[in-house]
């Protein structure tokens, strides 16, 4: 049976099977995994990436939510005599990263093709477990990947861009045409790397303060940063926000998408100081 004939993809799970054999090899080559790496694969499906990856790394923990696919892949692995893949039939969002056994001081490498409907919660999960995750090489819908890696003053630049960059260095690897999948999706994809070993130098800025400043600034994208931030938190009165912006040398009439990462870090630091003074 061909990959196109084996299973009917489930729309509710956002399934699009990778059928171009060149793409998995390109992903593995771009990822630069070491032979000693332990890799967590998200949604292995029919094993298009799992099988070639098993020859390149020490061990794979492959998490597949669809029981019929998990059973199919387990039979393939057994037939091929591949014993370095631990197949887990579970929702990746429910997997306990801390329970994955690792050699001393080693971290998890993550790989996978993320359906749109779990992109945001999966990114949050990776951030929450960043002390245990070294890197993530992930395929997203192109629009999502562009938002994660967007520079200031571009349409994709927003809160998600900054919150990811705070914790990891994002890098675009390559684009994947929609024709590489079955069924063919409506959009192209992109593979990016998130390096959690290289967070942005935050200079001691409180993470919650940074998150609030970013979310508040982009809460009303078309407004000035002053008007968007004021009132986002009860203590952020117009006077407090204006004072914080001026202390950060930021023109209050600017919009959030024009502020750099360093400016947001400075602003969150100044707003935290103002909050303490008011308290």
Protein backbone atom coordinates (compact mmCIF):
# COMPACT_ATOMS: atom_id res chain seq x y z
CA UNK A 1 0.00 0.00 0.00
CA UNK A 2 1.31 3.47 -0.84
CA UNK A 3 1.34 6.26 1.71
CA UNK A 4 -1.52 7.91 -0.13
CA UNK A 5 -3.60 4.73 0.11
CA UNK A 6 -2.73 3.52 3.61
CA UNK A 7 -4.90 5.85 5.64
CA UNK A 8 -7.53 8.47 5.19
CA UNK A 9 -6.07 11.59 6.89
CA UNK A 10 -8.21 12.91 9.73
CA UNK A 11 -9.11 16.56 9.26
CA UNK A 12 -9.90 17.00 12.97
CA UNK A 13 -6.26 16.15 13.76
CA UNK A 14 -4.91 18.41 11.03
CA UNK A 15 -3.25 15.45 9.30
CA UNK A 16 -1.29 16.02 6.10
CA UNK A 17 1.13 13.20 5.35
CA UNK A 18 4.59 14.04 4.03
CA UNK A 19 4.96 12.12 0.76
CA UNK A 20 8.01 13.74 -0.84
CA UNK A 21 10.95 11.51 0.26
CA UNK A 22 13.45 14.31 -0.27
CA UNK A 23 11.99 16.52 2.46
CA UNK A 24 12.74 14.25 5.46
CA UNK A 25 16.36 13.91 4.34
CA UNK A 26 16.60 17.68 3.97
CA UNK A 27 15.12 18.22 7.44
CA UNK A 28 17.57 15.78 9.03
CA UNK A 29 20.51 17.30 7.17
CA UNK A 30 19.51 20.85 8.16
CA UNK A 31 18.92 19.86 11.79
CA UNK A 32 22.50 18.65 12.21
CA UNK A 33 21.66 16.06 14.85
CA UNK A 34 24.46 14.11 16.54
CA UNK A 35 24.56 10.31 16.73
CA UNK A 36 24.24 10.54 20.54
CA UNK A 37 21.07 12.69 20.46
CA UNK A 38 17.74 11.70 21.98
CA UNK A 39 14.98 13.13 19.79
CA UNK A 40 11.32 13.70 20.64
CA UNK A 41 9.30 13.47 17.43
CA UNK A 42 5.87 15.08 17.36
CA UNK A 43 3.34 13.25 15.22
CA UNK A 44 5.43 10.65 13.33
CA UNK A 45 2.43 9.57 11.26
CA UNK A 46 3.46 6.76 8.91
CA UNK A 47 7.15 7.22 9.66
CA UNK A 48 8.30 9.35 6.71
CA UNK A 49 10.71 11.18 9.00
CA UNK A 50 11.03 8.58 11.78
CA UNK A 51 12.63 5.86 9.66
CA UNK A 52 15.53 7.88 8.17
CA UNK A 53 16.00 9.75 11.46
CA UNK A 54 16.43 6.45 13.34
CA UNK A 55 19.67 5.91 11.41
CA UNK A 56 21.06 9.30 12.47
CA UNK A 57 20.41 9.53 16.23
CA UNK A 58 20.71 7.40 19.37
CA UNK A 59 17.03 7.19 20.23
CA UNK A 60 13.65 8.58 19.21
CA UNK A 61 10.60 9.02 21.40
CA UNK A 62 7.84 9.28 18.79
CA UNK A 63 4.51 10.60 20.08
CA UNK A 64 1.48 9.84 17.91
CA UNK A 65 -2.08 10.71 18.96
CA UNK A 66 -3.82 8.62 16.29
CA UNK A 67 -3.97 5.00 17.54
CA UNK A 68 -4.36 3.52 14.05
CA UNK A 69 -1.22 5.31 12.86
CA UNK A 70 0.69 4.34 15.99
CA UNK A 71 -0.20 0.69 15.40
CA UNK A 72 0.77 0.91 11.72
CA UNK A 73 4.11 2.54 12.49
CA UNK A 74 4.92 0.06 15.26
CA UNK A 75 4.41 -2.79 12.80
CA UNK A 76 6.70 -1.09 10.28
CA UNK A 77 9.39 -0.58 12.91
CA UNK A 78 9.15 -4.23 14.00
CA UNK A 79 9.29 -5.49 10.41
CA UNK A 80 12.38 -3.39 9.69
CA UNK A 81 14.04 -4.42 12.94
CA UNK A 82 14.30 -0.86 14.26
CA UNK A 83 14.53 -0.97 18.06
CA UNK A 84 15.73 2.58 18.78
CA UNK A 85 12.26 4.14 18.47
CA UNK A 86 9.96 4.27 21.50
CA UNK A 87 6.46 4.81 20.15
CA UNK A 88 4.02 6.55 22.50
CA UNK A 89 0.32 6.72 21.60
CA UNK A 90 -0.66 9.96 23.33
CA UNK A 91 -1.53 13.60 22.77
CA UNK A 92 1.80 15.46 22.67
CA UNK A 93 0.28 18.25 24.75
CA UNK A 94 -0.24 15.76 27.59
CA UNK A 95 3.21 14.21 27.49
CA UNK A 96 5.34 14.78 30.60
CA UNK A 97 8.70 15.96 29.26
CA UNK A 98 10.26 15.44 32.68
CA UNK A 99 9.43 11.73 32.49
CA UNK A 100 11.49 11.16 29.33
CA UNK A 101 14.65 9.33 30.45
CA UNK A 102 17.90 11.00 29.38
CA UNK A 103 21.59 10.42 29.96
CA UNK A 104 23.09 12.67 32.62
CA UNK A 105 23.17 16.39 31.61
CA UNK A 106 21.71 15.65 28.16
CA UNK A 107 18.74 17.58 26.80
CA UNK A 108 15.96 16.64 24.39
CA UNK A 109 16.05 17.57 20.72
CA UNK A 110 12.53 18.06 19.31
CA UNK A 111 11.38 17.56 15.74
CA UNK A 112 8.01 17.49 14.03
CA UNK A 113 5.45 18.87 11.62
CA UNK A 114 2.99 20.90 13.71
CA UNK A 115 -0.66 21.19 12.67
CA UNK A 116 -1.92 24.76 12.87
CA UNK A 117 -4.36 23.96 15.68
CA UNK A 118 -1.61 22.96 18.14
CA UNK A 119 1.11 25.42 17.10
CA UNK A 120 0.52 27.93 19.91
CA UNK A 121 -0.01 25.46 22.79
CA UNK A 122 2.99 23.41 21.63
CA UNK A 123 5.21 26.47 21.60
CA UNK A 124 4.04 27.31 25.12
CA UNK A 125 4.83 23.76 26.24
CA UNK A 126 8.33 23.98 24.78
CA UNK A 127 8.92 27.30 26.54
CA UNK A 128 7.65 25.87 29.82
CA UNK A 129 10.12 22.96 29.49
CA UNK A 130 13.02 24.92 28.03
CA UNK A 131 15.38 23.73 30.77
CA UNK A 132 14.95 20.21 29.39
CA UNK A 133 14.83 21.04 25.66
CA UNK A 134 17.94 21.99 23.73
CA UNK A 135 16.55 22.69 20.26
CA UNK A 136 13.36 22.24 18.29
CA UNK A 137 13.36 21.77 14.52
CA UNK A 138 9.74 22.24 13.52
CA UNK A 139 7.66 22.59 10.39
CA UNK A 140 4.86 25.15 10.56
CA UNK A 141 2.45 26.66 8.11
CA UNK A 142 4.50 29.33 6.38
CA UNK A 143 2.53 32.20 7.90
CA UNK A 144 3.20 30.95 11.44
CA UNK A 145 6.91 30.39 10.74
CA UNK A 146 7.22 33.90 9.32
CA UNK A 147 5.60 35.37 12.42
CA UNK A 148 8.03 33.52 14.68
CA UNK A 149 11.04 34.84 12.78
CA UNK A 150 9.81 38.27 11.65
CA UNK A 151 11.95 41.43 12.05
CA UNK A 152 10.46 44.70 13.37
CA UNK A 153 8.35 46.85 11.05
CA UNK A 154 7.00 43.86 9.13
CA UNK A 155 3.47 42.50 9.00
CA UNK A 156 4.34 39.27 10.81
CA UNK A 157 6.17 40.92 13.71
CA UNK A 158 4.12 40.73 16.88
CA UNK A 159 3.78 39.43 20.41
CA UNK A 160 4.48 35.82 19.39
CA UNK A 161 7.73 36.89 17.69
CA UNK A 162 9.02 38.60 20.81
CA UNK A 163 7.87 36.00 23.35
CA UNK A 164 9.61 33.23 21.40
CA UNK A 165 12.77 35.29 20.89
CA UNK A 166 12.96 35.96 24.62
CA UNK A 167 13.47 32.23 25.20
CA UNK A 168 15.12 30.93 22.03
CA UNK A 169 16.96 32.00 18.89
CA UNK A 170 14.67 31.32 15.89
CA UNK A 171 16.15 30.64 12.46
CA UNK A 172 14.50 29.88 9.15
CA UNK A 173 15.89 26.72 7.54
CA UNK A 174 13.90 26.17 4.33
CA UNK A 175 10.46 26.29 2.75
CA UNK A 176 8.37 23.22 1.92
CA UNK A 177 5.86 23.41 -0.95
CA UNK A 178 2.31 22.27 -0.33
CA UNK A 179 2.78 19.61 -3.03
CA UNK A 180 5.05 17.66 -0.63
CA UNK A 181 1.97 16.59 1.37
CA UNK A 182 -1.11 14.44 0.95
CA UNK A 183 -3.75 15.70 0.99
CA UNK A 184 -2.32 18.88 -0.47
CA UNK A 185 -2.93 21.72 2.02
CA UNK A 186 -3.97 25.21 0.99
CA UNK A 187 -0.68 26.79 2.13
CA UNK A 188 3.05 26.16 1.94
CA UNK A 189 5.12 25.28 5.01
CA UNK A 190 8.47 26.30 6.45
CA UNK A 191 10.98 24.51 8.66
CA UNK A 192 12.56 26.60 11.40
CA UNK A 193 14.92 25.95 14.28
CA UNK A 194 14.33 27.22 17.81
CA UNK A 195 17.56 27.12 19.78
CA UNK A 196 16.70 27.21 23.48
CA UNK A 197 20.41 27.24 24.33
CA UNK A 198 20.52 30.79 22.96
CA UNK A 199 17.83 32.88 24.67
CA UNK A 200 17.92 36.63 24.18
CA UNK A 201 20.13 38.43 26.73
CA UNK A 202 17.43 39.82 29.02
CA UNK A 203 19.76 41.53 31.50
CA UNK A 204 17.68 40.44 34.48
CA UNK A 205 14.33 41.74 33.24
CA UNK A 206 11.40 40.00 34.92
CA UNK A 207 9.74 37.59 32.49
CA UNK A 208 6.19 38.44 33.58
CA UNK A 209 6.87 42.16 33.19
CA UNK A 210 8.25 41.58 29.69
CA UNK A 211 5.28 39.42 28.72
CA UNK A 212 2.82 42.05 29.97
CA UNK A 213 4.61 44.85 28.15
CA UNK A 214 4.61 42.92 24.89
CA UNK A 215 1.01 41.71 25.13
CA UNK A 216 -0.18 45.15 26.23
CA UNK A 217 1.63 46.94 23.41
CA UNK A 218 0.13 44.62 20.79
CA UNK A 219 -3.32 44.44 22.39
CA UNK A 220 -4.48 47.19 20.03
CA UNK A 221 -2.08 46.96 17.12
CA UNK A 222 -3.36 50.01 15.27
CA UNK A 223 -3.07 52.29 18.28
CA UNK A 224 0.06 54.03 19.49
CA UNK A 225 2.07 52.12 22.07
CA UNK A 226 0.97 54.64 24.71
CA UNK A 227 -2.73 54.17 24.02
CA UNK A 228 -2.43 50.40 23.74
CA UNK A 229 -0.49 49.99 27.00
CA UNK A 230 -2.44 52.32 29.25
CA UNK A 231 -4.96 50.43 31.30
CA UNK A 232 -3.69 47.00 30.19
CA UNK A 233 -2.86 46.46 33.86
CA UNK A 234 -4.71 48.39 36.59
CA UNK A 235 -1.50 50.10 37.70
CA UNK A 236 -0.64 51.22 34.17
CA UNK A 237 -2.26 54.62 34.20
CA UNK A 238 -1.50 57.00 31.31
CA UNK A 239 1.02 58.84 33.52
CA UNK A 240 2.85 55.65 34.48
CA UNK A 241 3.03 54.42 30.88
CA UNK A 242 4.14 57.82 29.57
CA UNK A 243 6.85 58.01 32.21
CA UNK A 244 8.06 54.50 31.32
CA UNK A 245 8.17 55.30 27.61
CA UNK A 246 10.12 58.50 28.15
CA UNK A 247 12.56 56.76 30.51
CA UNK A 248 13.11 54.18 27.73
CA UNK A 249 13.62 56.93 25.10
CA UNK A 250 10.61 55.66 23.15
CA UNK A 251 8.35 58.13 21.34
CA UNK A 252 4.82 57.54 22.74
CA UNK A 253 3.34 58.02 19.26
CA UNK A 254 5.14 54.97 17.85
CA UNK A 255 3.33 51.69 17.26
CA UNK A 256 4.29 48.37 18.81
CA UNK A 257 5.57 46.78 15.60
CA UNK A 258 8.31 49.43 15.35
CA UNK A 259 9.84 48.64 18.75
CA UNK A 260 12.89 46.40 18.86
CA UNK A 261 13.49 43.60 21.34
CA UNK A 262 15.89 45.79 23.33
CA UNK A 263 13.34 48.60 23.50
CA UNK A 264 10.70 46.22 24.86
CA UNK A 265 13.15 44.94 27.47
CA UNK A 266 13.96 48.48 28.55
CA UNK A 267 10.29 49.46 28.62
CA UNK A 268 9.27 46.44 30.70
CA UNK A 269 12.08 47.25 33.13
CA UNK A 270 10.94 50.88 33.45
CA UNK A 271 7.29 49.93 33.92
CA UNK A 272 8.30 47.46 36.63
CA UNK A 273 10.19 50.22 38.43
CA UNK A 274 7.14 52.49 38.22
CA UNK A 275 4.92 49.75 39.60
CA UNK A 276 7.23 49.28 42.58
CA UNK A 277 7.29 52.99 43.27
CA UNK A 278 3.49 53.12 43.24
CA UNK A 279 3.30 50.12 45.56
